[in-house]
Amino acid sequence: MLTPSLDRGGGPDEERSLDRTRPPWIDRPEASGVLVAHGALDFGFAAELRAALDAALADRPARIELDLADVWLLDATSLRVLLVFRRQAAAAGCVFRVVGAGGLVRRVLAVTDTLSLLD
């Protein structure tokens, strides 16, 4: 019998706690420069993800954090959006980082060797 590894993320409790029935969305709490993503960040949501990031950068914060704790899927299209945005933010003098990535999302970032760029 295989047991999930905690350092790889994605244990059974984590997988069950994510709501996979709702379409993805992004919250922008009162904290400046903080975005909270929910659901599957895939090619169908990439333009909305980019728009939310651009809107946050328009406020000219010193730092933008994207919380992925409630994201259960990150595909190559959305990963590219994050990497391109990281470069754009840096050019504007803003630090961009991703926080809270777990499970499959964290594995995607690790396997693509982008975790250290976005963390």
PDB file of N, CA and C in Angstrom:
ATOM      1  N   MET A   1       0.828  -1.175   0.000  1.00  0.00           N
ATOM      2  CA  MET A   1       0.000   0.000   0.000  1.00  0.00           C
ATOM      3  C   MET A   1       0.879   1.247   0.000  1.00  0.00           C
ATOM      4  N   LEU A   2       0.541   2.213  -0.842  1.00  0.00           N
ATOM      5  CA  LEU A   2       1.290   3.456  -0.921  1.00  0.00           C
ATOM      6  C   LEU A   2       0.635   4.516  -0.054  1.00  0.00           C
ATOM      7  N   THR A   3       1.450   5.281   0.633  1.00  0.00           N
ATOM      8  CA  THR A   3       0.943   6.402   1.406  1.00  0.00           C
ATOM      9  C   THR A   3       1.437   7.690   0.777  1.00  0.00           C
ATOM     10  N   PRO A   4       0.589   8.731   0.747  1.00  0.00           N
ATOM     11  CA  PRO A   4       1.033   9.986   0.146  1.00  0.00           C
ATOM     12  C   PRO A   4       2.182  10.590   0.938  1.00  0.00           C
ATOM     13  N   SER A   5       3.119  11.162   0.242  1.00  0.00           N
ATOM     14  CA  SER A   5       4.255  11.806   0.876  1.00  0.00           C
ATOM     15  C   SER A   5       3.897  13.246   1.187  1.00  0.00           C
ATOM     16  N   LEU A   6       4.106  13.670   2.407  1.00  0.00           N
ATOM     17  CA  LEU A   6       3.748  15.021   2.795  1.00  0.00           C
ATOM     18  C   LEU A   6       4.618  16.064   2.109  1.00  0.00           C
ATOM     19  N   ASP A   7       5.900  15.772   1.875  1.00  0.00           N
ATOM     20  CA  ASP A   7       6.724  16.790   1.258  1.00  0.00           C
ATOM     21  C   ASP A   7       6.447  16.929  -0.239  1.00  0.00           C
ATOM     22  N   ARG A   8       5.705  16.031  -0.826  1.00  0.00           N
ATOM     23  CA  ARG A   8       5.299  16.202  -2.208  1.00  0.00           C
ATOM     24  C   ARG A   8       3.981  16.942  -2.283  1.00  0.00           C
ATOM     25  N   GLY A   9       3.305  17.095  -1.168  1.00  0.00           N
ATOM     26  CA  GLY A   9       2.007  17.776  -1.144  1.00  0.00           C
ATOM     27  C   GLY A   9       0.944  16.872  -1.728  1.00  0.00           C
ATOM     28  N   GLY A  10      -0.288  17.308  -1.556  1.00  0.00           N
ATOM     29  CA  GLY A  10      -1.375  16.590  -2.199  1.00  0.00           C
ATOM     30  C   GLY A  10      -1.846  15.364  -1.484  1.00  0.00           C
ATOM     31  N   GLY A  11      -1.812  15.359  -0.165  1.00  0.00           N
ATOM     32  CA  GLY A  11      -2.362  14.246   0.582  1.00  0.00           C
ATOM     33  C   GLY A  11      -3.859  14.147   0.349  1.00  0.00           C
ATOM     34  N   PRO A  12      -4.472  13.055   0.773  1.00  0.00           N
ATOM     35  CA  PRO A  12      -5.891  12.841   0.501  1.00  0.00           C
ATOM     36  C   PRO A  12      -6.783  13.936   1.078  1.00  0.00           C
ATOM     37  N   ASP A  13      -6.467  14.460   2.253  1.00  0.00           N
ATOM     38  CA  ASP A  13      -7.303  15.508   2.843  1.00  0.00           C
ATOM     39  C   ASP A  13      -7.251  16.785   2.026  1.00  0.00           C
ATOM     40  N   GLU A  14      -6.082  17.123   1.535  1.00  0.00           N
ATOM     41  CA  GLU A  14      -5.942  18.334   0.738  1.00  0.00           C
ATOM     42  C   GLU A  14      -6.752  18.218  -0.551  1.00  0.00           C
ATOM     43  N   GLU A  15      -6.670  17.100  -1.219  1.00  0.00           N
ATOM     44  CA  GLU A  15      -7.363  16.919  -2.484  1.00  0.00           C
ATOM     45  C   GLU A  15      -8.881  17.021  -2.303  1.00  0.00           C
ATOM     46  N   ARG A  16      -9.430  16.501  -1.227  1.00  0.00           N
ATOM     47  CA  ARG A  16     -10.866  16.546  -0.996  1.00  0.00           C
ATOM     48  C   ARG A  16     -11.347  17.937  -0.630  1.00  0.00           C
ATOM     49  N   SER A  17     -10.494  18.751  -0.027  1.00  0.00           N
ATOM     50  CA  SER A  17     -10.932  20.046   0.468  1.00  0.00           C
ATOM     51  C   SER A  17     -11.086  21.092  -0.634  1.00  0.00           C
ATOM     52  N   LEU A  18     -10.537  20.872  -1.813  1.00  0.00           N
ATOM     53  CA  LEU A  18     -10.624  21.846  -2.881  1.00  0.00           C
ATOM     54  C   LEU A  18     -11.926  21.658  -3.658  1.00  0.00           C
ATOM     55  N   ASP A  19     -12.647  22.757  -3.880  1.00  0.00           N
ATOM     56  CA  ASP A  19     -13.922  22.714  -4.592  1.00  0.00           C
ATOM     57  C   ASP A  19     -13.680  22.686  -6.096  1.00  0.00           C
ATOM     58  N   ARG A  20     -13.932  21.557  -6.708  1.00  0.00           N
ATOM     59  CA  ARG A  20     -13.694  21.403  -8.148  1.00  0.00           C
ATOM     60  C   ARG A  20     -14.959  21.623  -8.971  1.00  0.00           C
ATOM     61  N   THR A  21     -16.039  22.030  -8.328  1.00  0.00           N
ATOM     62  CA  THR A  21     -17.299  22.202  -9.048  1.00  0.00           C
ATOM     63  C   THR A  21     -17.503  23.627  -9.540  1.00  0.00           C
ATOM     64  N   ARG A  22     -16.811  24.579  -8.966  1.00  0.00           N
ATOM     65  CA  ARG A  22     -16.976  25.979  -9.344  1.00  0.00           C
ATOM     66  C   ARG A  22     -15.950  26.366 -10.400  1.00  0.00           C
ATOM     67  N   PRO A  23     -16.306  27.324 -11.254  1.00  0.00           N
ATOM     68  CA  PRO A  23     -15.303  27.826 -12.198  1.00  0.00           C
ATOM     69  C   PRO A  23     -14.237  28.611 -11.442  1.00  0.00           C
ATOM     70  N   PRO A  24     -13.077  28.795 -12.024  1.00  0.00           N
ATOM     71  CA  PRO A  24     -12.008  29.528 -11.330  1.00  0.00           C
ATOM     72  C   PRO A  24     -12.363  31.008 -11.170  1.00  0.00           C
ATOM     73  N   TRP A  25     -11.798  31.611 -10.145  1.00  0.00           N
ATOM     74  CA  TRP A  25     -11.959  33.043  -9.924  1.00  0.00           C
ATOM     75  C   TRP A  25     -10.807  33.546  -9.081  1.00  0.00           C
ATOM     76  N   ILE A  26     -10.676  34.864  -9.031  1.00  0.00           N
ATOM     77  CA  ILE A  26      -9.611  35.485  -8.247  1.00  0.00           C
ATOM     78  C   ILE A  26     -10.222  36.532  -7.339  1.00  0.00           C
ATOM     79  N   ASP A  27      -9.894  36.455  -6.053  1.00  0.00           N
ATOM     80  CA  ASP A  27     -10.302  37.458  -5.072  1.00  0.00           C
ATOM     81  C   ASP A  27      -9.181  38.453  -4.919  1.00  0.00           C
ATOM     82  N   ARG A  28      -9.555  39.659  -4.630  1.00  0.00           N
ATOM     83  CA  ARG A  28      -8.557  40.684  -4.331  1.00  0.00           C
ATOM     84  C   ARG A  28      -8.914  41.292  -2.986  1.00  0.00           C
ATOM     85  N   PRO A  29      -8.416  40.675  -1.897  1.00  0.00           N
ATOM     86  CA  PRO A  29      -8.734  41.176  -0.568  1.00  0.00           C
ATOM     87  C   PRO A  29      -8.234  42.608  -0.384  1.00  0.00           C
ATOM     88  N   GLU A  30      -8.607  43.201   0.716  1.00  0.00           N
ATOM     89  CA  GLU A  30      -8.224  44.582   1.005  1.00  0.00           C
ATOM     90  C   GLU A  30      -6.711  44.798   1.019  1.00  0.00           C
ATOM     91  N   ALA A  31      -5.960  43.778   1.342  1.00  0.00           N
ATOM     92  CA  ALA A  31      -4.503  43.918   1.408  1.00  0.00           C
ATOM     93  C   ALA A  31      -3.958  44.256   0.021  1.00  0.00           C
ATOM     94  N   SER A  32      -3.239  45.344  -0.061  1.00  0.00           N
ATOM     95  CA  SER A  32      -2.680  45.773  -1.334  1.00  0.00           C
ATOM     96  C   SER A  32      -1.652  44.765  -1.835  1.00  0.00           C
ATOM     97  N   GLY A  33      -1.766  44.439  -3.120  1.00  0.00           N
ATOM     98  CA  GLY A  33      -0.793  43.542  -3.723  1.00  0.00           C
ATOM     99  C   GLY A  33      -1.015  42.075  -3.436  1.00  0.00           C
ATOM    100  N   VAL A  34      -2.184  41.712  -2.914  1.00  0.00           N
ATOM    101  CA  VAL A  34      -2.471  40.307  -2.624  1.00  0.00           C
ATOM    102  C   VAL A  34      -3.651  39.860  -3.486  1.00  0.00           C
ATOM    103  N   LEU A  35      -3.452  38.742  -4.191  1.00  0.00           N
ATOM    104  CA  LEU A  35      -4.511  38.119  -4.974  1.00  0.00           C
ATOM    105  C   LEU A  35      -4.661  36.684  -4.498  1.00  0.00           C
ATOM    106  N   VAL A  36      -5.891  36.199  -4.447  1.00  0.00           N
ATOM    107  CA  VAL A  36      -6.147  34.820  -4.034  1.00  0.00           C
ATOM    108  C   VAL A  36      -6.881  34.121  -5.178  1.00  0.00           C
ATOM    109  N   ALA A  37      -6.239  33.103  -5.750  1.00  0.00           N
ATOM    110  CA  ALA A  37      -6.822  32.362  -6.865  1.00  0.00           C
ATOM    111  C   ALA A  37      -7.557  31.132  -6.345  1.00  0.00           C
ATOM    112  N   HIS A  38      -8.585  30.733  -7.085  1.00  0.00           N
ATOM    113  CA  HIS A  38      -9.402  29.580  -6.707  1.00  0.00           C
ATOM    114  C   HIS A  38      -9.675  28.724  -7.944  1.00  0.00           C
ATOM    115  N   GLY A  39      -9.636  27.413  -7.772  1.00  0.00           N
ATOM    116  CA  GLY A  39     -10.035  26.506  -8.843  1.00  0.00           C
ATOM    117  C   GLY A  39      -8.913  26.085  -9.761  1.00  0.00           C
ATOM    118  N   ALA A  40      -9.268  25.863 -11.019  1.00  0.00           N
ATOM    119  CA  ALA A  40      -8.328  25.385 -12.030  1.00  0.00           C
ATOM    120  C   ALA A  40      -7.831  26.562 -12.857  1.00  0.00           C
ATOM    121  N   LEU A  41      -6.532  26.809 -12.796  1.00  0.00           N
ATOM    122  CA  LEU A  41      -5.936  27.865 -13.620  1.00  0.00           C
ATOM    123  C   LEU A  41      -5.428  27.202 -14.896  1.00  0.00           C
ATOM    124  N   ASP A  42      -6.300  27.186 -15.894  1.00  0.00           N
ATOM    125  CA  ASP A  42      -5.963  26.523 -17.151  1.00  0.00           C
ATOM    126  C   ASP A  42      -6.090  27.496 -18.305  1.00  0.00           C
ATOM    127  N   PHE A  43      -5.936  26.993 -19.526  1.00  0.00           N
ATOM    128  CA  PHE A  43      -5.951  27.865 -20.706  1.00  0.00           C
ATOM    129  C   PHE A  43      -7.244  28.658 -20.825  1.00  0.00           C
ATOM    130  N   GLY A  44      -8.339  28.123 -20.347  1.00  0.00           N
ATOM    131  CA  GLY A  44      -9.625  28.808 -20.413  1.00  0.00           C
ATOM    132  C   GLY A  44      -9.721  29.997 -19.468  1.00  0.00           C
ATOM    133  N   PHE A  45      -8.827  30.070 -18.486  1.00  0.00           N
ATOM    134  CA  PHE A  45      -8.852  31.148 -17.493  1.00  0.00           C
ATOM    135  C   PHE A  45      -7.634  32.053 -17.607  1.00  0.00           C
ATOM    136  N   ALA A  46      -6.725  31.749 -18.490  1.00  0.00           N
ATOM    137  CA  ALA A  46      -5.446  32.470 -18.567  1.00  0.00           C
ATOM    138  C   ALA A  46      -5.628  33.968 -18.819  1.00  0.00           C
ATOM    139  N   ALA A  47      -6.544  34.351 -19.687  1.00  0.00           N
ATOM    140  CA  ALA A  47      -6.744  35.779 -19.973  1.00  0.00           C
ATOM    141  C   ALA A  47      -7.268  36.513 -18.740  1.00  0.00           C
ATOM    142  N   GLU A  48      -8.160  35.884 -18.001  1.00  0.00           N
ATOM    143  CA  GLU A  48      -8.683  36.505 -16.773  1.00  0.00           C
ATOM    144  C   GLU A  48      -7.601  36.587 -15.696  1.00  0.00           C
ATOM    145  N   LEU A  49      -6.761  35.569 -15.629  1.00  0.00           N
ATOM    146  CA  LEU A  49      -5.638  35.595 -14.686  1.00  0.00           C
ATOM    147  C   LEU A  49      -4.722  36.765 -15.032  1.00  0.00           C
ATOM    148  N   ARG A  50      -4.397  36.895 -16.295  1.00  0.00           N
ATOM    149  CA  ARG A  50      -3.522  37.982 -16.734  1.00  0.00           C
ATOM    150  C   ARG A  50      -4.141  39.347 -16.427  1.00  0.00           C
ATOM    151  N   ALA A  51      -5.433  39.497 -16.677  1.00  0.00           N
ATOM    152  CA  ALA A  51      -6.118  40.766 -16.409  1.00  0.00           C
ATOM    153  C   ALA A  51      -6.086  41.116 -14.925  1.00  0.00           C
ATOM    154  N   ALA A  52      -6.277  40.126 -14.066  1.00  0.00           N
ATOM    155  CA  ALA A  52      -6.242  40.365 -12.619  1.00  0.00           C
ATOM    156  C   ALA A  52      -4.847  40.777 -12.165  1.00  0.00           C
ATOM    157  N   LEU A  53      -3.828  40.135 -12.709  1.00  0.00           N
ATOM    158  CA  LEU A  53      -2.454  40.489 -12.368  1.00  0.00           C
ATOM    159  C   LEU A  53      -2.116  41.894 -12.870  1.00  0.00           C
ATOM    160  N   ASP A  54      -2.520  42.209 -14.092  1.00  0.00           N
ATOM    161  CA  ASP A  54      -2.269  43.547 -14.641  1.00  0.00           C
ATOM    162  C   ASP A  54      -2.956  44.623 -13.805  1.00  0.00           C
ATOM    163  N   ALA A  55      -4.179  44.359 -13.366  1.00  0.00           N
ATOM    164  CA  ALA A  55      -4.912  45.327 -12.540  1.00  0.00           C
ATOM    165  C   ALA A  55      -4.189  45.554 -11.214  1.00  0.00           C
ATOM    166  N   ALA A  56      -3.654  44.490 -10.640  1.00  0.00           N
ATOM    167  CA  ALA A  56      -2.904  44.626  -9.384  1.00  0.00           C
ATOM    168  C   ALA A  56      -1.636  45.437  -9.603  1.00  0.00           C
ATOM    169  N   LEU A  57      -0.964  45.230 -10.719  1.00  0.00           N
ATOM    170  CA  LEU A  57       0.276  45.960 -11.019  1.00  0.00           C
ATOM    171  C   LEU A  57      -0.008  47.437 -11.305  1.00  0.00           C
ATOM    172  N   ALA A  58      -1.187  47.744 -11.810  1.00  0.00           N
ATOM    173  CA  ALA A  58      -1.551  49.131 -12.111  1.00  0.00           C
ATOM    174  C   ALA A  58      -1.554  49.995 -10.850  1.00  0.00           C
ATOM    175  N   ASP A  59      -1.748  49.364  -9.682  1.00  0.00           N
ATOM    176  CA  ASP A  59      -1.717  50.090  -8.405  1.00  0.00           C
ATOM    177  C   ASP A  59      -0.292  50.437  -7.976  1.00  0.00           C
ATOM    178  N   ARG A  60       0.695  49.946  -8.695  1.00  0.00           N
ATOM    179  CA  ARG A  60       2.120  50.181  -8.417  1.00  0.00           C
ATOM    180  C   ARG A  60       2.571  49.733  -7.025  1.00  0.00           C
ATOM    181  N   PRO A  61       2.196  48.518  -6.609  1.00  0.00           N
ATOM    182  CA  PRO A  61       2.683  48.054  -5.309  1.00  0.00           C
ATOM    183  C   PRO A  61       4.154  47.645  -5.410  1.00  0.00           C
ATOM    184  N   ALA A  62       4.824  47.603  -4.284  1.00  0.00           N
ATOM    185  CA  ALA A  62       6.213  47.143  -4.257  1.00  0.00           C
ATOM    186  C   ALA A  62       6.271  45.628  -4.401  1.00  0.00           C
ATOM    187  N   ARG A  63       5.165  44.967  -4.047  1.00  0.00           N
ATOM    188  CA  ARG A  63       5.133  43.505  -4.038  1.00  0.00           C
ATOM    189  C   ARG A  63       3.723  43.026  -4.382  1.00  0.00           C
ATOM    190  N   ILE A  64       3.650  41.955  -5.164  1.00  0.00           N
ATOM    191  CA  ILE A  64       2.376  41.286  -5.448  1.00  0.00           C
ATOM    192  C   ILE A  64       2.537  39.822  -5.088  1.00  0.00           C
ATOM    193  N   GLU A  65       1.607  39.308  -4.308  1.00  0.00           N
ATOM    194  CA  GLU A  65       1.582  37.887  -3.968  1.00  0.00           C
ATOM    195  C   GLU A  65       0.318  37.262  -4.527  1.00  0.00           C
ATOM    196  N   LEU A  66       0.479  36.132  -5.170  1.00  0.00           N
ATOM    197  CA  LEU A  66      -0.646  35.358  -5.672  1.00  0.00           C
ATOM    198  C   LEU A  66      -0.740  34.096  -4.832  1.00  0.00           C
ATOM    199  N   ASP A  67      -1.816  33.977  -4.080  1.00  0.00           N
ATOM    200  CA  ASP A  67      -2.030  32.828  -3.199  1.00  0.00           C
ATOM    201  C   ASP A  67      -2.707  31.717  -3.995  1.00  0.00           C
ATOM    202  N   LEU A  68      -2.032  30.572  -4.099  1.00  0.00           N
ATOM    203  CA  LEU A  68      -2.553  29.434  -4.859  1.00  0.00           C
ATOM    204  C   LEU A  68      -3.043  28.295  -3.963  1.00  0.00           C
ATOM    205  N   ALA A  69      -3.268  28.559  -2.694  1.00  0.00           N
ATOM    206  CA  ALA A  69      -3.659  27.501  -1.761  1.00  0.00           C
ATOM    207  C   ALA A  69      -4.969  26.818  -2.165  1.00  0.00           C
ATOM    208  N   ASP A  70      -5.861  27.534  -2.836  1.00  0.00           N
ATOM    209  CA  ASP A  70      -7.157  26.971  -3.232  1.00  0.00           C
ATOM    210  C   ASP A  70      -7.195  26.624  -4.726  1.00  0.00           C
ATOM    211  N   VAL A  71      -6.019  26.476  -5.329  1.00  0.00           N
ATOM    212  CA  VAL A  71      -5.926  26.111  -6.747  1.00  0.00           C
ATOM    213  C   VAL A  71      -5.555  24.638  -6.838  1.00  0.00           C
ATOM    214  N   TRP A  72      -6.276  23.889  -7.651  1.00  0.00           N
ATOM    215  CA  TRP A  72      -5.999  22.455  -7.753  1.00  0.00           C
ATOM    216  C   TRP A  72      -5.389  22.064  -9.092  1.00  0.00           C
ATOM    217  N   LEU A  73      -5.312  23.005 -10.040  1.00  0.00           N
ATOM    218  CA  LEU A  73      -4.709  22.700 -11.334  1.00  0.00           C
ATOM    219  C   LEU A  73      -4.032  23.952 -11.872  1.00  0.00           C
ATOM    220  N   LEU A  74      -2.826  23.781 -12.375  1.00  0.00           N
ATOM    221  CA  LEU A  74      -2.089  24.858 -13.030  1.00  0.00           C
ATOM    222  C   LEU A  74      -1.523  24.274 -14.315  1.00  0.00           C
ATOM    223  N   ASP A  75      -2.012  24.750 -15.460  1.00  0.00           N
ATOM    224  CA  ASP A  75      -1.505  24.194 -16.723  1.00  0.00           C
ATOM    225  C   ASP A  75      -0.399  25.075 -17.290  1.00  0.00           C
ATOM    226  N   ALA A  76       0.164  24.647 -18.412  1.00  0.00           N
ATOM    227  CA  ALA A  76       1.302  25.340 -19.016  1.00  0.00           C
ATOM    228  C   ALA A  76       0.949  26.759 -19.451  1.00  0.00           C
ATOM    229  N   THR A  77      -0.270  26.973 -19.905  1.00  0.00           N
ATOM    230  CA  THR A  77      -0.673  28.311 -20.341  1.00  0.00           C
ATOM    231  C   THR A  77      -0.670  29.282 -19.171  1.00  0.00           C
ATOM    232  N   SER A  78      -1.250  28.892 -18.067  1.00  0.00           N
ATOM    233  CA  SER A  78      -1.285  29.765 -16.894  1.00  0.00           C
ATOM    234  C   SER A  78       0.093  29.905 -16.264  1.00  0.00           C
ATOM    235  N   LEU A  79       0.881  28.859 -16.318  1.00  0.00           N
ATOM    236  CA  LEU A  79       2.259  28.960 -15.823  1.00  0.00           C
ATOM    237  C   LEU A  79       3.033  29.989 -16.646  1.00  0.00           C
ATOM    238  N   ARG A  80       2.840  29.973 -17.942  1.00  0.00           N
ATOM    239  CA  ARG A  80       3.494  30.966 -18.803  1.00  0.00           C
ATOM    240  C   ARG A  80       3.034  32.375 -18.444  1.00  0.00           C
ATOM    241  N   VAL A  81       1.740  32.554 -18.170  1.00  0.00           N
ATOM    242  CA  VAL A  81       1.226  33.860 -17.744  1.00  0.00           C
ATOM    243  C   VAL A  81       1.974  34.323 -16.497  1.00  0.00           C
ATOM    244  N   LEU A  82       2.167  33.423 -15.544  1.00  0.00           N
ATOM    245  CA  LEU A  82       2.860  33.790 -14.304  1.00  0.00           C
ATOM    246  C   LEU A  82       4.311  34.178 -14.571  1.00  0.00           C
ATOM    247  N   LEU A  83       4.979  33.440 -15.438  1.00  0.00           N
ATOM    248  CA  LEU A  83       6.387  33.731 -15.726  1.00  0.00           C
ATOM    249  C   LEU A  83       6.565  35.036 -16.501  1.00  0.00           C
ATOM    250  N   VAL A  84       5.699  35.281 -17.471  1.00  0.00           N
ATOM    251  CA  VAL A  84       5.753  36.534 -18.226  1.00  0.00           C
ATOM    252  C   VAL A  84       5.428  37.700 -17.302  1.00  0.00           C
ATOM    253  N   PHE A  85       4.431  37.515 -16.433  1.00  0.00           N
ATOM    254  CA  PHE A  85       4.068  38.581 -15.505  1.00  0.00           C
ATOM    255  C   PHE A  85       5.199  38.865 -14.521  1.00  0.00           C
ATOM    256  N   ARG A  86       5.890  37.843 -14.098  1.00  0.00           N
ATOM    257  CA  ARG A  86       7.020  38.036 -13.179  1.00  0.00           C
ATOM    258  C   ARG A  86       8.044  38.988 -13.789  1.00  0.00           C
ATOM    259  N   ARG A  87       8.328  38.789 -15.065  1.00  0.00           N
ATOM    260  CA  ARG A  87       9.275  39.656 -15.780  1.00  0.00           C
ATOM    261  C   ARG A  87       8.736  41.087 -15.901  1.00  0.00           C
ATOM    262  N   GLN A  88       7.458  41.204 -16.220  1.00  0.00           N
ATOM    263  CA  GLN A  88       6.820  42.512 -16.345  1.00  0.00           C
ATOM    264  C   GLN A  88       6.822  43.249 -15.004  1.00  0.00           C
ATOM    265  N   ALA A  89       6.502  42.537 -13.937  1.00  0.00           N
ATOM    266  CA  ALA A  89       6.489  43.142 -12.606  1.00  0.00           C
ATOM    267  C   ALA A  89       7.888  43.619 -12.222  1.00  0.00           C
ATOM    268  N   ALA A  90       8.884  42.801 -12.485  1.00  0.00           N
ATOM    269  CA  ALA A  90      10.262  43.176 -12.162  1.00  0.00           C
ATOM    270  C   ALA A  90      10.670  44.440 -12.916  1.00  0.00           C
ATOM    271  N   ALA A  91      10.276  44.549 -14.171  1.00  0.00           N
ATOM    272  CA  ALA A  91      10.594  45.738 -14.962  1.00  0.00           C
ATOM    273  C   ALA A  91       9.934  46.988 -14.387  1.00  0.00           C
ATOM    274  N   ALA A  92       8.811  46.791 -13.684  1.00  0.00           N
ATOM    275  CA  ALA A  92       8.097  47.908 -13.056  1.00  0.00           C
ATOM    276  C   ALA A  92       8.562  48.139 -11.617  1.00  0.00           C
ATOM    277  N   GLY A  93       9.588  47.389 -11.191  1.00  0.00           N
ATOM    278  CA  GLY A  93      10.109  47.547  -9.838  1.00  0.00           C
ATOM    279  C   GLY A  93       9.268  46.862  -8.768  1.00  0.00           C
ATOM    280  N   CYS A  94       8.524  45.854  -9.166  1.00  0.00           N
ATOM    281  CA  CYS A  94       7.634  45.123  -8.260  1.00  0.00           C
ATOM    282  C   CYS A  94       8.107  43.678  -8.130  1.00  0.00           C
ATOM    283  N   VAL A  95       8.122  43.177  -6.912  1.00  0.00           N
ATOM    284  CA  VAL A  95       8.468  41.778  -6.666  1.00  0.00           C
ATOM    285  C   VAL A  95       7.180  40.957  -6.763  1.00  0.00           C
ATOM    286  N   PHE A  96       7.198  39.914  -7.589  1.00  0.00           N
ATOM    287  CA  PHE A  96       6.047  39.027  -7.724  1.00  0.00           C
ATOM    288  C   PHE A  96       6.412  37.663  -7.192  1.00  0.00           C
ATOM    289  N   ARG A  97       5.544  37.123  -6.340  1.00  0.00           N
ATOM    290  CA  ARG A  97       5.779  35.768  -5.858  1.00  0.00           C
ATOM    291  C   ARG A  97       4.466  35.030  -5.691  1.00  0.00           C
ATOM    292  N   VAL A  98       4.579  33.719  -5.768  1.00  0.00           N
ATOM    293  CA  VAL A  98       3.459  32.814  -5.588  1.00  0.00           C
ATOM    294  C   VAL A  98       3.595  32.183  -4.219  1.00  0.00           C
ATOM    295  N   VAL A  99       2.498  32.116  -3.475  1.00  0.00           N
ATOM    296  CA  VAL A  99       2.512  31.505  -2.147  1.00  0.00           C
ATOM    297  C   VAL A  99       1.400  30.465  -2.057  1.00  0.00           C
ATOM    298  N   GLY A 100       1.548  29.555  -1.126  1.00  0.00           N
ATOM    299  CA  GLY A 100       0.492  28.598  -0.818  1.00  0.00           C
ATOM    300  C   GLY A 100       0.313  27.454  -1.789  1.00  0.00           C
ATOM    301  N   ALA A 101       1.190  27.313  -2.769  1.00  0.00           N
ATOM    302  CA  ALA A 101       1.032  26.229  -3.738  1.00  0.00           C
ATOM    303  C   ALA A 101       1.245  24.888  -3.055  1.00  0.00           C
ATOM    304  N   GLY A 102       0.335  23.984  -3.290  1.00  0.00           N
ATOM    305  CA  GLY A 102       0.437  22.643  -2.711  1.00  0.00           C
ATOM    306  C   GLY A 102      -0.020  21.598  -3.710  1.00  0.00           C
ATOM    307  N   GLY A 103       0.107  20.361  -3.341  1.00  0.00           N
ATOM    308  CA  GLY A 103      -0.375  19.257  -4.168  1.00  0.00           C
ATOM    309  C   GLY A 103       0.163  19.284  -5.581  1.00  0.00           C
ATOM    310  N   LEU A 104      -0.738  19.067  -6.533  1.00  0.00           N
ATOM    311  CA  LEU A 104      -0.370  19.012  -7.946  1.00  0.00           C
ATOM    312  C   LEU A 104       0.235  20.330  -8.436  1.00  0.00           C
ATOM    313  N   VAL A 105      -0.280  21.435  -7.953  1.00  0.00           N
ATOM    314  CA  VAL A 105       0.227  22.742  -8.387  1.00  0.00           C
ATOM    315  C   VAL A 105       1.696  22.903  -7.993  1.00  0.00           C
ATOM    316  N   ARG A 106       2.013  22.524  -6.776  1.00  0.00           N
ATOM    317  CA  ARG A 106       3.406  22.611  -6.324  1.00  0.00           C
ATOM    318  C   ARG A 106       4.295  21.663  -7.129  1.00  0.00           C
ATOM    319  N   ARG A 107       3.778  20.483  -7.437  1.00  0.00           N
ATOM    320  CA  ARG A 107       4.548  19.529  -8.246  1.00  0.00           C
ATOM    321  C   ARG A 107       4.815  20.070  -9.646  1.00  0.00           C
ATOM    322  N   VAL A 108       3.814  20.716 -10.251  1.00  0.00           N
ATOM    323  CA  VAL A 108       4.010  21.313 -11.579  1.00  0.00           C
ATOM    324  C   VAL A 108       5.117  22.357 -11.513  1.00  0.00           C
ATOM    325  N   LEU A 109       5.082  23.207 -10.497  1.00  0.00           N
ATOM    326  CA  LEU A 109       6.118  24.235 -10.348  1.00  0.00           C
ATOM    327  C   LEU A 109       7.495  23.617 -10.116  1.00  0.00           C
ATOM    328  N   ALA A 110       7.542  22.537  -9.354  1.00  0.00           N
ATOM    329  CA  ALA A 110       8.825  21.883  -9.079  1.00  0.00           C
ATOM    330  C   ALA A 110       9.372  21.172 -10.320  1.00  0.00           C
ATOM    331  N   VAL A 111       8.521  20.428 -11.011  1.00  0.00           N
ATOM    332  CA  VAL A 111       8.958  19.665 -12.183  1.00  0.00           C
ATOM    333  C   VAL A 111       9.417  20.588 -13.306  1.00  0.00           C
ATOM    334  N   THR A 112       8.775  21.734 -13.437  1.00  0.00           N
ATOM    335  CA  THR A 112       9.161  22.688 -14.485  1.00  0.00           C
ATOM    336  C   THR A 112      10.291  23.601 -14.049  1.00  0.00           C
ATOM    337  N   ASP A 113      10.804  23.379 -12.855  1.00  0.00           N
ATOM    338  CA  ASP A 113      11.907  24.147 -12.299  1.00  0.00           C
ATOM    339  C   ASP A 113      11.590  25.641 -12.209  1.00  0.00           C
ATOM    340  N   THR A 114      10.330  25.947 -11.928  1.00  0.00           N
ATOM    341  CA  THR A 114       9.913  27.349 -11.809  1.00  0.00           C
ATOM    342  C   THR A 114       9.541  27.713 -10.364  1.00  0.00           C
ATOM    343  N   LEU A 115       9.534  26.751  -9.493  1.00  0.00           N
ATOM    344  CA  LEU A 115       9.179  27.021  -8.095  1.00  0.00           C
ATOM    345  C   LEU A 115      10.085  28.070  -7.492  1.00  0.00           C
ATOM    346  N   SER A 116      11.388  27.944  -7.722  1.00  0.00           N
ATOM    347  CA  SER A 116      12.332  28.906  -7.134  1.00  0.00           C
ATOM    348  C   SER A 116      12.187  30.301  -7.764  1.00  0.00           C
ATOM    349  N   LEU A 117      11.729  30.374  -9.002  1.00  0.00           N
ATOM    350  CA  LEU A 117      11.530  31.673  -9.644  1.00  0.00           C
ATOM    351  C   LEU A 117      10.327  32.417  -9.094  1.00  0.00           C
ATOM    352  N   LEU A 118       9.312  31.661  -8.706  1.00  0.00           N
ATOM    353  CA  LEU A 118       8.050  32.278  -8.279  1.00  0.00           C
ATOM    354  C   LEU A 118       7.851  32.295  -6.777  1.00  0.00           C
ATOM    355  N   ASP A 119       8.704  31.592  -6.043  1.00  0.00           N
ATOM    356  CA  ASP A 119       8.546  31.479  -4.589  1.00  0.00           C
ATOM    357  C   ASP A 119       9.261  32.597  -3.876  1.00  0.00           C
TER     358      ASP A 119
END
